[in-house]
Amino acid sequence: TLIETPSVGAPKSWDAHFFCNGVLLGVSLPYGIHGLKLEH
């Protein structure tokens, strides 16, 4: 299951929360460590 929420660290971006059978697996980031834009 994917649930998107407004990103805390980057305005006008969205973070993706991934769940497996209701258990949180991880949350995506809008940008990488070198500022590379990441698409979830």
Full PDB file with SEQRES, HELIX, SHEET, SSBOND, CRYST1, ORIGX, SCALE, CONECT and MASTER records, all heavy atoms in Angstrom:
SEQRES   1 A   40  THR LEU ILE GLU THR PRO SER VAL GLY ALA PRO LYS SER          
SEQRES   2 A   40  TRP ASP ALA HIS PHE PHE CYS ASN GLY VAL LEU LEU GLY          
SEQRES   3 A   40  VAL SER LEU PRO TYR GLY ILE HIS GLY LEU LYS LEU GLU          
SEQRES   4 A   40  HIS                                                          
SHEET    1 AA1 3 LEU A   2  PRO A   6  0                                        
SHEET    2 AA1 3 TRP A  14  CYS A  20 -1                                        
SHEET    3 AA1 3 VAL A  23  VAL A  27 -1                                        
CRYST1    1.000    1.000    1.000  90.00  90.00  90.00 P 1           1          
ORIGX1      1.000000  0.000000  0.000000        0.00000                         
ORIGX2      0.000000  1.000000  0.000000        0.00000                         
ORIGX3      0.000000  0.000000  1.000000        0.00000                         
SCALE1      1.000000  0.000000  0.000000        0.00000                         
SCALE2      0.000000  1.000000  0.000000        0.00000                         
SCALE3      0.000000  0.000000  1.000000        0.00000                         
ATOM      1  N   THR A   1       0.842  -1.195   0.000  1.00  0.00           N  
ATOM      2  CA  THR A   1       0.000   0.000   0.000  1.00  0.00           C  
ATOM      3  C   THR A   1       0.873   1.239   0.000  1.00  0.00           C  
ATOM      4  O   THR A   1       1.824   1.352   0.778  1.00  0.00           O  
ATOM      5  CB  THR A   1      -0.915   0.029   1.233  1.00  0.00           C  
ATOM      6  OG1 THR A   1      -1.699  -1.172   1.269  1.00  0.00           O  
ATOM      7  CG2 THR A   1      -1.841   1.229   1.202  1.00  0.00           C  
ATOM      8  N   LEU A   2       0.539   2.172  -0.880  1.00  0.00           N  
ATOM      9  CA  LEU A   2       1.242   3.446  -0.986  1.00  0.00           C  
ATOM     10  C   LEU A   2       0.335   4.566  -0.505  1.00  0.00           C  
ATOM     11  O   LEU A   2      -0.805   4.708  -0.973  1.00  0.00           O  
ATOM     12  CB  LEU A   2       1.663   3.695  -2.441  1.00  0.00           C  
ATOM     13  CG  LEU A   2       2.027   5.133  -2.838  1.00  0.00           C  
ATOM     14  CD1 LEU A   2       3.262   5.601  -2.098  1.00  0.00           C  
ATOM     15  CD2 LEU A   2       2.213   5.244  -4.341  1.00  0.00           C  
ATOM     16  N   ILE A   3       0.825   5.357   0.430  1.00  0.00           N  
ATOM     17  CA  ILE A   3       0.100   6.537   0.915  1.00  0.00           C  
ATOM     18  C   ILE A   3       1.023   7.742   0.764  1.00  0.00           C  
ATOM     19  O   ILE A   3       2.133   7.753   1.298  1.00  0.00           O  
ATOM     20  CB  ILE A   3      -0.327   6.381   2.386  1.00  0.00           C  
ATOM     21  CG1 ILE A   3      -1.291   5.190   2.528  1.00  0.00           C  
ATOM     22  CG2 ILE A   3      -0.984   7.658   2.900  1.00  0.00           C  
ATOM     23  CD1 ILE A   3      -1.711   4.921   3.952  1.00  0.00           C  
ATOM     24  N   GLU A   4       0.556   8.752   0.042  1.00  0.00           N  
ATOM     25  CA  GLU A   4       1.343   9.952  -0.187  1.00  0.00           C  
ATOM     26  C   GLU A   4       0.919  11.068   0.762  1.00  0.00           C  
ATOM     27  O   GLU A   4      -0.275  11.260   1.023  1.00  0.00           O  
ATOM     28  CB  GLU A   4       1.199  10.432  -1.629  1.00  0.00           C  
ATOM     29  CG  GLU A   4       1.797   9.479  -2.658  1.00  0.00           C  
ATOM     30  CD  GLU A   4       1.655   9.993  -4.074  1.00  0.00           C  
ATOM     31  OE1 GLU A   4       0.527  10.371  -4.452  1.00  0.00           O  
ATOM     32  OE2 GLU A   4       2.670  10.023  -4.797  1.00  0.00           O  
ATOM     33  N   THR A   5       1.915  11.792   1.272  1.00  0.00           N  
ATOM     34  CA  THR A   5       1.671  12.946   2.138  1.00  0.00           C  
ATOM     35  C   THR A   5       2.581  14.081   1.705  1.00  0.00           C  
ATOM     36  O   THR A   5       3.654  13.837   1.131  1.00  0.00           O  
ATOM     37  CB  THR A   5       1.948  12.609   3.615  1.00  0.00           C  
ATOM     38  OG1 THR A   5       3.325  12.209   3.755  1.00  0.00           O  
ATOM     39  CG2 THR A   5       1.043  11.491   4.112  1.00  0.00           C  
ATOM     40  N   PRO A   6       2.176  15.342   1.970  1.00  0.00           N  
ATOM     41  CA  PRO A   6       3.073  16.466   1.637  1.00  0.00           C  
ATOM     42  C   PRO A   6       4.420  16.303   2.330  1.00  0.00           C  
ATOM     43  O   PRO A   6       4.492  15.945   3.506  1.00  0.00           O  
ATOM     44  CB  PRO A   6       2.309  17.685   2.151  1.00  0.00           C  
ATOM     45  CG  PRO A   6       0.877  17.259   2.141  1.00  0.00           C  
ATOM     46  CD  PRO A   6       0.892  15.804   2.506  1.00  0.00           C  
ATOM     47  N   SER A   7       5.487  16.560   1.587  1.00  0.00           N  
ATOM     48  CA  SER A   7       6.821  16.366   2.132  1.00  0.00           C  
ATOM     49  C   SER A   7       7.146  17.400   3.196  1.00  0.00           C  
ATOM     50  O   SER A   7       6.865  18.591   3.036  1.00  0.00           O  
ATOM     51  CB  SER A   7       7.857  16.439   1.005  1.00  0.00           C  
ATOM     52  OG  SER A   7       9.160  16.297   1.519  1.00  0.00           O  
ATOM     53  N   VAL A   8       7.738  16.932   4.284  1.00  0.00           N  
ATOM     54  CA  VAL A   8       8.148  17.826   5.363  1.00  0.00           C  
ATOM     55  C   VAL A   8       9.408  18.591   4.974  1.00  0.00           C  
ATOM     56  O   VAL A   8       9.572  19.778   5.303  1.00  0.00           O  
ATOM     57  CB  VAL A   8       8.389  17.028   6.661  1.00  0.00           C  
ATOM     58  CG1 VAL A   8       8.909  17.939   7.770  1.00  0.00           C  
ATOM     59  CG2 VAL A   8       7.120  16.313   7.094  1.00  0.00           C  
ATOM     60  N   GLY A   9      10.304  17.939   4.250  1.00  0.00           N  
ATOM     61  CA  GLY A   9      11.596  18.546   3.948  1.00  0.00           C  
ATOM     62  C   GLY A   9      11.659  19.319   2.656  1.00  0.00           C  
ATOM     63  O   GLY A   9      12.646  20.016   2.411  1.00  0.00           O  
ATOM     64  N   ALA A  10      10.660  19.190   1.782  1.00  0.00           N  
ATOM     65  CA  ALA A  10      10.708  19.860   0.483  1.00  0.00           C  
ATOM     66  C   ALA A  10       9.306  20.354   0.108  1.00  0.00           C  
ATOM     67  O   ALA A  10       8.403  19.537  -0.111  1.00  0.00           O  
ATOM     68  CB  ALA A  10      11.228  18.916  -0.585  1.00  0.00           C  
ATOM     69  N   PRO A  11       9.105  21.662   0.057  1.00  0.00           N  
ATOM     70  CA  PRO A  11       7.801  22.203  -0.339  1.00  0.00           C  
ATOM     71  C   PRO A  11       7.408  21.754  -1.749  1.00  0.00           C  
ATOM     72  O   PRO A  11       8.259  21.528  -2.607  1.00  0.00           O  
ATOM     73  CB  PRO A  11       8.006  23.724  -0.270  1.00  0.00           C  
ATOM     74  CG  PRO A  11       9.207  23.912   0.596  1.00  0.00           C  
ATOM     75  CD  PRO A  11      10.072  22.720   0.380  1.00  0.00           C  
ATOM     76  N   LYS A  12       6.131  21.614  -1.966  1.00  0.00           N  
ATOM     77  CA  LYS A  12       5.569  21.222  -3.262  1.00  0.00           C  
ATOM     78  C   LYS A  12       6.017  19.825  -3.691  1.00  0.00           C  
ATOM     79  O   LYS A  12       5.991  19.497  -4.883  1.00  0.00           O  
ATOM     80  CB  LYS A  12       5.928  22.245  -4.338  1.00  0.00           C  
ATOM     81  CG  LYS A  12       5.405  23.651  -4.053  1.00  0.00           C  
ATOM     82  CD  LYS A  12       5.777  24.601  -5.188  1.00  0.00           C  
ATOM     83  CE  LYS A  12       5.264  26.018  -4.899  1.00  0.00           C  
ATOM     84  NZ  LYS A  12       5.616  26.967  -5.993  1.00  0.00           N  
ATOM     85  N   SER A  13       6.466  19.016  -2.751  1.00  0.00           N  
ATOM     86  CA  SER A  13       6.841  17.630  -3.038  1.00  0.00           C  
ATOM     87  C   SER A  13       6.026  16.702  -2.157  1.00  0.00           C  
ATOM     88  O   SER A  13       5.394  17.123  -1.182  1.00  0.00           O  
ATOM     89  CB  SER A  13       8.339  17.407  -2.786  1.00  0.00           C  
ATOM     90  OG  SER A  13       9.122  18.194  -3.645  1.00  0.00           O  
ATOM     91  N   TRP A  14       6.047  15.428  -2.522  1.00  0.00           N  
ATOM     92  CA  TRP A  14       5.278  14.426  -1.785  1.00  0.00           C  
ATOM     93  C   TRP A  14       6.184  13.309  -1.313  1.00  0.00           C  
ATOM     94  O   TRP A  14       7.101  12.891  -2.027  1.00  0.00           O  
ATOM     95  CB  TRP A  14       4.162  13.853  -2.673  1.00  0.00           C  
ATOM     96  CG  TRP A  14       3.114  14.864  -3.032  1.00  0.00           C  
ATOM     97  CD1 TRP A  14       3.176  15.790  -4.033  1.00  0.00           C  
ATOM     98  CD2 TRP A  14       1.870  15.061  -2.376  1.00  0.00           C  
ATOM     99  NE1 TRP A  14       2.042  16.557  -4.048  1.00  0.00           N  
ATOM    100  CE2 TRP A  14       1.211  16.134  -3.049  1.00  0.00           C  
ATOM    101  CE3 TRP A  14       1.221  14.446  -1.299  1.00  0.00           C  
ATOM    102  CZ2 TRP A  14      -0.044  16.587  -2.665  1.00  0.00           C  
ATOM    103  CZ3 TRP A  14      -0.043  14.890  -0.927  1.00  0.00           C  
ATOM    104  CH2 TRP A  14      -0.657  15.956  -1.592  1.00  0.00           C  
ATOM    105  N   ASP A  15       5.931  12.852  -0.088  1.00  0.00           N  
ATOM    106  CA  ASP A  15       6.618  11.673   0.433  1.00  0.00           C  
ATOM    107  C   ASP A  15       5.689  10.467   0.280  1.00  0.00           C  
ATOM    108  O   ASP A  15       4.475  10.579   0.436  1.00  0.00           O  
ATOM    109  CB  ASP A  15       6.963  11.848   1.915  1.00  0.00           C  
ATOM    110  CG  ASP A  15       7.984  12.952   2.138  1.00  0.00           C  
ATOM    111  OD1 ASP A  15       8.728  13.275   1.186  1.00  0.00           O  
ATOM    112  OD2 ASP A  15       8.041  13.489   3.264  1.00  0.00           O  
ATOM    113  N   ALA A  16       6.275   9.318  -0.017  1.00  0.00           N  
ATOM    114  CA  ALA A  16       5.503   8.091  -0.182  1.00  0.00           C  
ATOM    115  C   ALA A  16       5.764   7.156   0.994  1.00  0.00           C  
ATOM    116  O   ALA A  16       6.917   6.838   1.289  1.00  0.00           O  
ATOM    117  CB  ALA A  16       5.878   7.408  -1.492  1.00  0.00           C  
ATOM    118  N   HIS A  17       4.705   6.733   1.659  1.00  0.00           N  
ATOM    119  CA  HIS A  17       4.792   5.782   2.765  1.00  0.00           C  
ATOM    120  C   HIS A  17       4.351   4.421   2.231  1.00  0.00           C  
ATOM    121  O   HIS A  17       3.213   4.263   1.768  1.00  0.00           O  
ATOM    122  CB  HIS A  17       3.884   6.219   3.912  1.00  0.00           C  
ATOM    123  CG  HIS A  17       4.194   7.591   4.436  1.00  0.00           C  
ATOM    124  ND1 HIS A  17       4.744   7.815   5.684  1.00  0.00           N  
ATOM    125  CD2 HIS A  17       4.034   8.820   3.874  1.00  0.00           C  
ATOM    126  CE1 HIS A  17       4.903   9.108   5.872  1.00  0.00           C  
ATOM    127  NE2 HIS A  17       4.472   9.744   4.789  1.00  0.00           N  
ATOM    128  N   PHE A  18       5.239   3.449   2.319  1.00  0.00           N  
ATOM    129  CA  PHE A  18       4.943   2.112   1.799  1.00  0.00           C  
ATOM    130  C   PHE A  18       4.667   1.150   2.961  1.00  0.00           C  
ATOM    131  O   PHE A  18       5.446   1.070   3.911  1.00  0.00           O  
ATOM    132  CB  PHE A  18       6.102   1.591   0.947  1.00  0.00           C  
ATOM    133  CG  PHE A  18       6.268   2.325  -0.356  1.00  0.00           C  
ATOM    134  CD1 PHE A  18       7.137   3.398  -0.471  1.00  0.00           C  
ATOM    135  CD2 PHE A  18       5.528   1.953  -1.468  1.00  0.00           C  
ATOM    136  CE1 PHE A  18       7.286   4.083  -1.664  1.00  0.00           C  
ATOM    137  CE2 PHE A  18       5.667   2.629  -2.680  1.00  0.00           C  
ATOM    138  CZ  PHE A  18       6.545   3.705  -2.773  1.00  0.00           C  
ATOM    139  N   PHE A  19       3.556   0.415   2.836  1.00  0.00           N  
ATOM    140  CA  PHE A  19       3.141  -0.546   3.854  1.00  0.00           C  
ATOM    141  C   PHE A  19       2.984  -1.917   3.211  1.00  0.00           C  
ATOM    142  O   PHE A  19       2.526  -2.043   2.072  1.00  0.00           O  
ATOM    143  CB  PHE A  19       1.795  -0.138   4.474  1.00  0.00           C  
ATOM    144  CG  PHE A  19       1.819   1.181   5.194  1.00  0.00           C  
ATOM    145  CD1 PHE A  19       1.686   2.374   4.490  1.00  0.00           C  
ATOM    146  CD2 PHE A  19       1.965   1.224   6.575  1.00  0.00           C  
ATOM    147  CE1 PHE A  19       1.686   3.594   5.158  1.00  0.00           C  
ATOM    148  CE2 PHE A  19       1.971   2.443   7.245  1.00  0.00           C  
ATOM    149  CZ  PHE A  19       1.833   3.630   6.543  1.00  0.00           C  
ATOM    150  N   CYS A  20       3.389  -2.955   3.946  1.00  0.00           N  
ATOM    151  CA  CYS A  20       3.148  -4.335   3.521  1.00  0.00           C  
ATOM    152  C   CYS A  20       2.198  -4.968   4.514  1.00  0.00           C  
ATOM    153  O   CYS A  20       2.543  -5.134   5.700  1.00  0.00           O  
ATOM    154  CB  CYS A  20       4.456  -5.115   3.464  1.00  0.00           C  
ATOM    155  SG  CYS A  20       4.268  -6.815   2.856  1.00  0.00           S  
ATOM    156  N   ASN A  21       0.993  -5.289   4.054  1.00  0.00           N  
ATOM    157  CA  ASN A  21      -0.059  -5.823   4.940  1.00  0.00           C  
ATOM    158  C   ASN A  21      -0.238  -4.940   6.174  1.00  0.00           C  
ATOM    159  O   ASN A  21      -0.404  -5.421   7.300  1.00  0.00           O  
ATOM    160  CB  ASN A  21       0.259  -7.255   5.364  1.00  0.00           C  
ATOM    161  CG  ASN A  21       0.154  -8.234   4.204  1.00  0.00           C  
ATOM    162  OD1 ASN A  21      -0.412  -7.927   3.157  1.00  0.00           O  
ATOM    163  ND2 ASN A  21       0.718  -9.412   4.377  1.00  0.00           N  
ATOM    164  N   GLY A  22      -0.166  -3.624   5.966  1.00  0.00           N  
ATOM    165  CA  GLY A  22      -0.402  -2.674   7.045  1.00  0.00           C  
ATOM    166  C   GLY A  22       0.820  -2.314   7.869  1.00  0.00           C  
ATOM    167  O   GLY A  22       0.738  -1.448   8.742  1.00  0.00           O  
ATOM    168  N   VAL A  23       1.973  -2.945   7.619  1.00  0.00           N  
ATOM    169  CA  VAL A  23       3.199  -2.667   8.370  1.00  0.00           C  
ATOM    170  C   VAL A  23       4.079  -1.728   7.553  1.00  0.00           C  
ATOM    171  O   VAL A  23       4.379  -2.006   6.381  1.00  0.00           O  
ATOM    172  CB  VAL A  23       3.961  -3.965   8.693  1.00  0.00           C  
ATOM    173  CG1 VAL A  23       5.266  -3.647   9.420  1.00  0.00           C  
ATOM    174  CG2 VAL A  23       3.095  -4.895   9.528  1.00  0.00           C  
ATOM    175  N   LEU A  24       4.494  -0.620   8.166  1.00  0.00           N  
ATOM    176  CA  LEU A  24       5.302   0.370   7.450  1.00  0.00           C  
ATOM    177  C   LEU A  24       6.666  -0.206   7.071  1.00  0.00           C  
ATOM    178  O   LEU A  24       7.403  -0.732   7.913  1.00  0.00           O  
ATOM    179  CB  LEU A  24       5.497   1.619   8.316  1.00  0.00           C  
ATOM    180  CG  LEU A  24       6.340   2.743   7.697  1.00  0.00           C  
ATOM    181  CD1 LEU A  24       5.661   3.325   6.469  1.00  0.00           C  
ATOM    182  CD2 LEU A  24       6.618   3.837   8.733  1.00  0.00           C  
ATOM    183  N   LEU A  25       7.005  -0.084   5.789  1.00  0.00           N  
ATOM    184  CA  LEU A  25       8.304  -0.540   5.288  1.00  0.00           C  
ATOM    185  C   LEU A  25       9.305   0.598   5.197  1.00  0.00           C  
ATOM    186  O   LEU A  25      10.486   0.419   5.499  1.00  0.00           O  
ATOM    187  CB  LEU A  25       8.149  -1.176   3.909  1.00  0.00           C  
ATOM    188  CG  LEU A  25       7.230  -2.400   3.808  1.00  0.00           C  
ATOM    189  CD1 LEU A  25       7.154  -2.866   2.359  1.00  0.00           C  
ATOM    190  CD2 LEU A  25       7.721  -3.508   4.711  1.00  0.00           C  
ATOM    191  N   GLY A  26       8.850   1.744   4.762  1.00  0.00           N  
ATOM    192  CA  GLY A  26       9.763   2.871   4.593  1.00  0.00           C  
ATOM    193  C   GLY A  26       9.049   4.054   3.984  1.00  0.00           C  
ATOM    194  O   GLY A  26       7.944   3.946   3.460  1.00  0.00           O  
ATOM    195  N   VAL A  27       9.715   5.199   4.060  1.00  0.00           N  
ATOM    196  CA  VAL A  27       9.185   6.451   3.526  1.00  0.00           C  
ATOM    197  C   VAL A  27      10.193   7.004   2.535  1.00  0.00           C  
ATOM    198  O   VAL A  27      11.399   7.059   2.819  1.00  0.00           O  
ATOM    199  CB  VAL A  27       8.920   7.477   4.648  1.00  0.00           C  
ATOM    200  CG1 VAL A  27       8.327   8.760   4.077  1.00  0.00           C  
ATOM    201  CG2 VAL A  27       8.010   6.887   5.715  1.00  0.00           C  
ATOM    202  N   SER A  28       9.730   7.414   1.381  1.00  0.00           N  
ATOM    203  CA  SER A  28      10.624   7.953   0.359  1.00  0.00           C  
ATOM    204  C   SER A  28      11.044   9.380   0.705  1.00  0.00           C  
ATOM    205  O   SER A  28      10.407  10.071   1.510  1.00  0.00           O  
ATOM    206  CB  SER A  28       9.936   7.939  -1.008  1.00  0.00           C  
ATOM    207  OG  SER A  28       8.882   8.891  -1.030  1.00  0.00           O  
ATOM    208  N   LEU A  29      12.123   9.812   0.079  1.00  0.00           N  
ATOM    209  CA  LEU A  29      12.619  11.182   0.205  1.00  0.00           C  
ATOM    210  C   LEU A  29      12.506  11.872  -1.152  1.00  0.00           C  
ATOM    211  O   LEU A  29      12.677  11.234  -2.198  1.00  0.00           O  
ATOM    212  CB  LEU A  29      14.074  11.188   0.670  1.00  0.00           C  
ATOM    213  CG  LEU A  29      14.355  10.601   2.061  1.00  0.00           C  
ATOM    214  CD1 LEU A  29      15.864  10.551   2.306  1.00  0.00           C  
ATOM    215  CD2 LEU A  29      13.675  11.420   3.139  1.00  0.00           C  
ATOM    216  N   PRO A  30      12.243  13.174  -1.162  1.00  0.00           N  
ATOM    217  CA  PRO A  30      12.126  13.865  -2.453  1.00  0.00           C  
ATOM    218  C   PRO A  30      13.462  14.093  -3.145  1.00  0.00           C  
ATOM    219  O   PRO A  30      13.514  14.223  -4.366  1.00  0.00           O  
ATOM    220  CB  PRO A  30      11.461  15.192  -2.076  1.00  0.00           C  
ATOM    221  CG  PRO A  30      11.807  15.411  -0.646  1.00  0.00           C  
ATOM    222  CD  PRO A  30      11.890  14.045  -0.036  1.00  0.00           C  
ATOM    223  N   TYR A  31      14.556  14.141  -2.347  1.00  0.00           N  
ATOM    224  CA  TYR A  31      15.872  14.401  -2.924  1.00  0.00           C  
ATOM    225  C   TYR A  31      16.912  13.468  -2.298  1.00  0.00           C  
ATOM    226  O   TYR A  31      16.804  13.088  -1.131  1.00  0.00           O  
ATOM    227  CB  TYR A  31      16.305  15.856  -2.694  1.00  0.00           C  
ATOM    228  CG  TYR A  31      15.448  16.855  -3.436  1.00  0.00           C  
ATOM    229  CD1 TYR A  31      14.370  17.470  -2.799  1.00  0.00           C  
ATOM    230  CD2 TYR A  31      15.703  17.180  -4.770  1.00  0.00           C  
ATOM    231  CE1 TYR A  31      13.571  18.379  -3.481  1.00  0.00           C  
ATOM    232  CE2 TYR A  31      14.910  18.089  -5.443  1.00  0.00           C  
ATOM    233  CZ  TYR A  31      13.847  18.686  -4.807  1.00  0.00           C  
ATOM    234  OH  TYR A  31      13.053  19.575  -5.483  1.00  0.00           O  
ATOM    235  N   GLY A  32      17.927  13.142  -3.096  1.00  0.00           N  
ATOM    236  CA  GLY A  32      19.023  12.324  -2.619  1.00  0.00           C  
ATOM    237  C   GLY A  32      20.084  13.159  -1.927  1.00  0.00           C  
ATOM    238  O   GLY A  32      19.948  14.375  -1.758  1.00  0.00           O  
ATOM    239  N   ILE A  33      21.190  12.492  -1.553  1.00  0.00           N  
ATOM    240  CA  ILE A  33      22.219  13.163  -0.762  1.00  0.00           C  
ATOM    241  C   ILE A  33      22.954  14.241  -1.548  1.00  0.00           C  
ATOM    242  O   ILE A  33      23.504  15.161  -0.976  1.00  0.00           O  
ATOM    243  CB  ILE A  33      23.234  12.134  -0.202  1.00  0.00           C  
ATOM    244  CG1 ILE A  33      23.867  11.335  -1.344  1.00  0.00           C  
ATOM    245  CG2 ILE A  33      22.583  11.218   0.802  1.00  0.00           C  
ATOM    246  CD1 ILE A  33      24.951  10.385  -0.881  1.00  0.00           C  
ATOM    247  N   HIS A  34      22.954  14.164  -2.871  1.00  0.00           N  
ATOM    248  CA  HIS A  34      23.634  15.171  -3.687  1.00  0.00           C  
ATOM    249  C   HIS A  34      22.631  16.108  -4.362  1.00  0.00           C  
ATOM    250  O   HIS A  34      22.958  16.763  -5.361  1.00  0.00           O  
ATOM    251  CB  HIS A  34      24.512  14.503  -4.745  1.00  0.00           C  
ATOM    252  CG  HIS A  34      25.588  13.646  -4.162  1.00  0.00           C  
ATOM    253  ND1 HIS A  34      26.601  14.151  -3.374  1.00  0.00           N  
ATOM    254  CD2 HIS A  34      25.805  12.302  -4.239  1.00  0.00           C  
ATOM    255  CE1 HIS A  34      27.402  13.177  -3.006  1.00  0.00           C  
ATOM    256  NE2 HIS A  34      26.944  12.040  -3.505  1.00  0.00           N  
ATOM    257  N   GLY A  35      21.435  16.147  -3.829  1.00  0.00           N  
ATOM    258  CA  GLY A  35      20.422  17.024  -4.387  1.00  0.00           C  
ATOM    259  C   GLY A  35      19.711  16.468  -5.601  1.00  0.00           C  
ATOM    260  O   GLY A  35      18.937  17.183  -6.251  1.00  0.00           O  
ATOM    261  N   LEU A  36      19.967  15.207  -5.943  1.00  0.00           N  
ATOM    262  CA  LEU A  36      19.312  14.585  -7.094  1.00  0.00           C  
ATOM    263  C   LEU A  36      17.837  14.367  -6.792  1.00  0.00           C  
ATOM    264  O   LEU A  36      17.481  13.814  -5.752  1.00  0.00           O  
ATOM    265  CB  LEU A  36      19.989  13.259  -7.432  1.00  0.00           C  
ATOM    266  CG  LEU A  36      19.391  12.465  -8.590  1.00  0.00           C  
ATOM    267  CD1 LEU A  36      19.612  13.203  -9.907  1.00  0.00           C  
ATOM    268  CD2 LEU A  36      20.015  11.072  -8.664  1.00  0.00           C  
ATOM    269  N   LYS A  37      16.977  14.809  -7.695  1.00  0.00           N  
ATOM    270  CA  LYS A  37      15.538  14.627  -7.520  1.00  0.00           C  
ATOM    271  C   LYS A  37      15.197  13.150  -7.606  1.00  0.00           C  
ATOM    272  O   LYS A  37      15.602  12.452  -8.530  1.00  0.00           O  
ATOM    273  CB  LYS A  37      14.770  15.397  -8.599  1.00  0.00           C  
ATOM    274  CG  LYS A  37      13.253  15.347  -8.443  1.00  0.00           C  
ATOM    275  CD  LYS A  37      12.786  16.190  -7.278  1.00  0.00           C  
ATOM    276  CE  LYS A  37      11.259  16.341  -7.263  1.00  0.00           C  
ATOM    277  NZ  LYS A  37      10.554  15.091  -6.933  1.00  0.00           N  
ATOM    278  N   LEU A  38      14.468  12.656  -6.625  1.00  0.00           N  
ATOM    279  CA  LEU A  38      14.084  11.248  -6.575  1.00  0.00           C  
ATOM    280  C   LEU A  38      12.593  11.108  -6.836  1.00  0.00           C  
ATOM    281  O   LEU A  38      11.779  11.809  -6.223  1.00  0.00           O  
ATOM    282  CB  LEU A  38      14.432  10.648  -5.206  1.00  0.00           C  
ATOM    283  CG  LEU A  38      15.911  10.632  -4.825  1.00  0.00           C  
ATOM    284  CD1 LEU A  38      16.088  10.116  -3.397  1.00  0.00           C  
ATOM    285  CD2 LEU A  38      16.713   9.777  -5.798  1.00  0.00           C  
ATOM    286  N   GLU A  39      12.244  10.217  -7.716  1.00  0.00           N  
ATOM    287  CA  GLU A  39      10.840   9.906  -8.003  1.00  0.00           C  
ATOM    288  C   GLU A  39      10.496   8.587  -7.324  1.00  0.00           C  
ATOM    289  O   GLU A  39      11.156   7.579  -7.551  1.00  0.00           O  
ATOM    290  CB  GLU A  39      10.607   9.796  -9.512  1.00  0.00           C  
ATOM    291  CG  GLU A  39      10.928  11.072 -10.292  1.00  0.00           C  
ATOM    292  CD  GLU A  39       9.957  12.204  -9.979  1.00  0.00           C  
ATOM    293  OE1 GLU A  39       8.843  11.916  -9.476  1.00  0.00           O  
ATOM    294  OE2 GLU A  39      10.310  13.369 -10.241  1.00  0.00           O  
ATOM    295  N   HIS A  40       9.472   8.599  -6.453  1.00  0.00           N  
ATOM    296  CA  HIS A  40       9.137   7.359  -5.754  1.00  0.00           C  
ATOM    297  C   HIS A  40       8.258   6.456  -6.622  1.00  0.00           C  
ATOM    298  O   HIS A  40       7.629   6.889  -7.586  1.00  0.00           O  
ATOM    299  CB  HIS A  40       8.467   7.649  -4.406  1.00  0.00           C  
ATOM    300  CG  HIS A  40       7.190   8.423  -4.513  1.00  0.00           C  
ATOM    301  ND1 HIS A  40       7.103   9.769  -4.233  1.00  0.00           N  
ATOM    302  CD2 HIS A  40       5.936   8.034  -4.848  1.00  0.00           C  
ATOM    303  CE1 HIS A  40       5.866  10.172  -4.390  1.00  0.00           C  
ATOM    304  NE2 HIS A  40       5.127   9.131  -4.779  1.00  0.00           N  
TER     305      HIS A  40                                                      
MASTER        0    0    0    0    3    0    0    6  304    1    0    4          
END                                                                             
